[in-house]
Amino acid sequence: MLHDFQDRLPDGVHIVPSSGGVFEISLGDEVVFSKKKAGRFPENSEIDEALEQRLDAA
C-alpha cells in the first residue's frame, strides 16, 4: 500500500498502536475503514479503493 500511494502521501504512513482489537485506517482526519464499525477486517482491495477515491477527490 505504501508503495502504491507514496507519491500521493507526502507525509508518509503512520502506524498508531491501539488495543482491544481496534483496526482503523484514516486519511487525515477521516476514517476510511473501521473494523469496529464494519465488524470485520477489510477485503483485499477495499482499503486501496477507498484511499484512491479520496485522493482523487482532493
N, C-alpha and C. Protein backbone atom coordinates (compact mmCIF):
# COMPACT_ATOMS: atom_id res chain seq x y z
N MET A 1 0.83 -1.17 0.00
CA MET A 1 0.00 0.00 0.00
C MET A 1 0.89 1.25 0.00
N LEU A 2 1.90 1.26 0.84
CA LEU A 2 2.79 2.42 0.89
C LEU A 2 3.42 2.67 -0.47
N HIS A 3 3.86 1.62 -1.13
CA HIS A 3 4.47 1.76 -2.46
C HIS A 3 3.48 2.35 -3.45
N ASP A 4 2.24 1.91 -3.41
CA ASP A 4 1.21 2.38 -4.34
C ASP A 4 0.88 3.85 -4.16
N PHE A 5 0.95 4.35 -2.95
CA PHE A 5 0.50 5.71 -2.66
C PHE A 5 1.60 6.66 -2.20
N GLN A 6 2.86 6.24 -2.23
CA GLN A 6 3.93 7.05 -1.67
C GLN A 6 4.05 8.43 -2.33
N ASP A 7 3.80 8.55 -3.62
CA ASP A 7 3.89 9.84 -4.30
C ASP A 7 2.72 10.75 -3.95
N ARG A 8 1.63 10.17 -3.49
CA ARG A 8 0.43 10.96 -3.20
C ARG A 8 0.24 11.21 -1.71
N LEU A 9 1.11 10.65 -0.89
CA LEU A 9 1.04 10.85 0.56
C LEU A 9 2.38 11.41 1.04
N PRO A 10 2.60 12.71 0.84
CA PRO A 10 3.90 13.30 1.17
C PRO A 10 4.28 13.20 2.64
N ASP A 11 3.31 13.07 3.53
CA ASP A 11 3.60 12.94 4.95
C ASP A 11 3.85 11.50 5.36
N GLY A 12 3.76 10.58 4.41
CA GLY A 12 4.00 9.18 4.68
C GLY A 12 2.84 8.49 5.36
N VAL A 13 3.12 7.33 5.88
CA VAL A 13 2.13 6.50 6.56
C VAL A 13 2.58 6.33 8.00
N HIS A 14 1.64 6.44 8.92
CA HIS A 14 1.95 6.30 10.34
C HIS A 14 1.11 5.17 10.92
N ILE A 15 1.76 4.29 11.65
CA ILE A 15 1.07 3.21 12.33
C ILE A 15 0.91 3.63 13.79
N VAL A 16 -0.33 3.63 14.25
CA VAL A 16 -0.62 4.04 15.62
C VAL A 16 -1.12 2.81 16.38
N PRO A 17 -0.35 2.34 17.35
CA PRO A 17 -0.77 1.17 18.11
C PRO A 17 -2.05 1.44 18.90
N SER A 18 -2.84 0.41 19.06
CA SER A 18 -4.07 0.52 19.85
C SER A 18 -4.31 -0.82 20.53
N SER A 19 -5.41 -0.91 21.23
CA SER A 19 -5.73 -2.16 21.91
C SER A 19 -7.19 -2.50 21.71
N GLY A 20 -7.58 -3.65 22.17
CA GLY A 20 -8.99 -4.05 22.11
C GLY A 20 -9.46 -4.46 20.74
N GLY A 21 -8.55 -4.84 19.84
CA GLY A 21 -8.95 -5.30 18.52
C GLY A 21 -9.32 -4.18 17.56
N VAL A 22 -8.95 -2.94 17.90
CA VAL A 22 -9.26 -1.81 17.03
C VAL A 22 -8.34 -1.84 15.82
N PHE A 23 -8.91 -1.66 14.64
CA PHE A 23 -8.15 -1.59 13.39
C PHE A 23 -8.82 -0.53 12.55
N GLU A 24 -8.18 0.63 12.43
CA GLU A 24 -8.74 1.73 11.66
C GLU A 24 -7.71 2.27 10.69
N ILE A 25 -8.19 2.66 9.52
CA ILE A 25 -7.37 3.32 8.52
C ILE A 25 -7.95 4.72 8.35
N SER A 26 -7.09 5.73 8.49
CA SER A 26 -7.54 7.12 8.35
C SER A 26 -6.69 7.82 7.31
N LEU A 27 -7.29 8.80 6.66
CA LEU A 27 -6.59 9.69 5.74
C LEU A 27 -6.88 11.08 6.26
N GLY A 28 -5.86 11.70 6.84
CA GLY A 28 -6.10 12.97 7.53
C GLY A 28 -6.98 12.70 8.74
N ASP A 29 -8.05 13.45 8.86
CA ASP A 29 -8.97 13.28 9.98
C ASP A 29 -10.13 12.35 9.66
N GLU A 30 -10.19 11.84 8.43
CA GLU A 30 -11.31 10.99 8.00
C GLU A 30 -10.98 9.51 8.17
N VAL A 31 -11.85 8.79 8.85
CA VAL A 31 -11.68 7.34 8.99
C VAL A 31 -12.15 6.70 7.69
N VAL A 32 -11.25 6.00 7.03
CA VAL A 32 -11.54 5.34 5.75
C VAL A 32 -12.13 3.96 5.98
N PHE A 33 -11.64 3.27 7.01
CA PHE A 33 -12.17 1.95 7.36
C PHE A 33 -12.04 1.74 8.86
N SER A 34 -13.08 1.18 9.45
CA SER A 34 -13.07 0.85 10.88
C SER A 34 -13.54 -0.59 11.04
N LYS A 35 -12.66 -1.44 11.56
CA LYS A 35 -13.05 -2.83 11.84
C LYS A 35 -14.17 -2.88 12.86
N LYS A 36 -14.12 -1.99 13.84
CA LYS A 36 -15.16 -1.97 14.87
C LYS A 36 -16.52 -1.64 14.26
N LYS A 37 -16.56 -0.65 13.39
CA LYS A 37 -17.82 -0.25 12.77
C LYS A 37 -18.32 -1.30 11.77
N ALA A 38 -17.39 -1.86 10.97
CA ALA A 38 -17.77 -2.84 9.95
C ALA A 38 -17.99 -4.23 10.53
N GLY A 39 -17.36 -4.51 11.68
CA GLY A 39 -17.48 -5.83 12.29
C GLY A 39 -16.65 -6.89 11.60
N ARG A 40 -15.64 -6.45 10.85
CA ARG A 40 -14.80 -7.38 10.08
C ARG A 40 -13.52 -6.66 9.65
N PHE A 41 -12.54 -7.44 9.20
CA PHE A 41 -11.36 -6.86 8.57
C PHE A 41 -11.72 -6.48 7.14
N PRO A 42 -10.98 -5.56 6.53
CA PRO A 42 -11.29 -5.17 5.15
C PRO A 42 -10.96 -6.27 4.16
N GLU A 43 -11.66 -6.26 3.04
CA GLU A 43 -11.34 -7.16 1.93
C GLU A 43 -10.00 -6.72 1.33
N ASN A 44 -9.39 -7.56 0.50
CA ASN A 44 -8.05 -7.32 -0.03
C ASN A 44 -7.85 -5.94 -0.64
N SER A 45 -8.73 -5.51 -1.52
CA SER A 45 -8.52 -4.23 -2.21
C SER A 45 -9.36 -3.10 -1.64
N GLU A 46 -10.11 -3.36 -0.60
CA GLU A 46 -11.05 -2.37 -0.06
C GLU A 46 -10.35 -1.09 0.41
N ILE A 47 -9.24 -1.20 1.09
CA ILE A 47 -8.54 -0.02 1.58
C ILE A 47 -7.94 0.76 0.42
N ASP A 48 -7.30 0.06 -0.52
CA ASP A 48 -6.72 0.74 -1.69
C ASP A 48 -7.79 1.52 -2.44
N GLU A 49 -8.93 0.91 -2.67
CA GLU A 49 -10.01 1.58 -3.40
C GLU A 49 -10.53 2.79 -2.65
N ALA A 50 -10.69 2.68 -1.34
CA ALA A 50 -11.19 3.79 -0.54
C ALA A 50 -10.18 4.95 -0.54
N LEU A 51 -8.90 4.64 -0.40
CA LEU A 51 -7.88 5.68 -0.44
C LEU A 51 -7.83 6.34 -1.81
N GLU A 52 -7.89 5.54 -2.86
CA GLU A 52 -7.87 6.06 -4.23
C GLU A 52 -9.01 7.05 -4.46
N GLN A 53 -10.21 6.70 -4.03
CA GLN A 53 -11.37 7.58 -4.19
C GLN A 53 -11.15 8.91 -3.49
N ARG A 54 -10.67 8.86 -2.27
CA ARG A 54 -10.49 10.09 -1.50
C ARG A 54 -9.35 10.94 -2.03
N LEU A 55 -8.28 10.32 -2.48
CA LEU A 55 -7.16 11.07 -3.05
C LEU A 55 -7.54 11.69 -4.39
N ASP A 56 -8.33 10.99 -5.19
CA ASP A 56 -8.78 11.54 -6.47
C ASP A 56 -9.71 12.73 -6.27
N ALA A 57 -10.49 12.70 -5.19
CA ALA A 57 -11.44 13.78 -4.92
C ALA A 57 -10.74 15.04 -4.38
N ALA A 58 -9.53 14.86 -3.87
CA ALA A 58 -8.80 16.00 -3.27
C ALA A 58 -8.20 16.92 -4.31
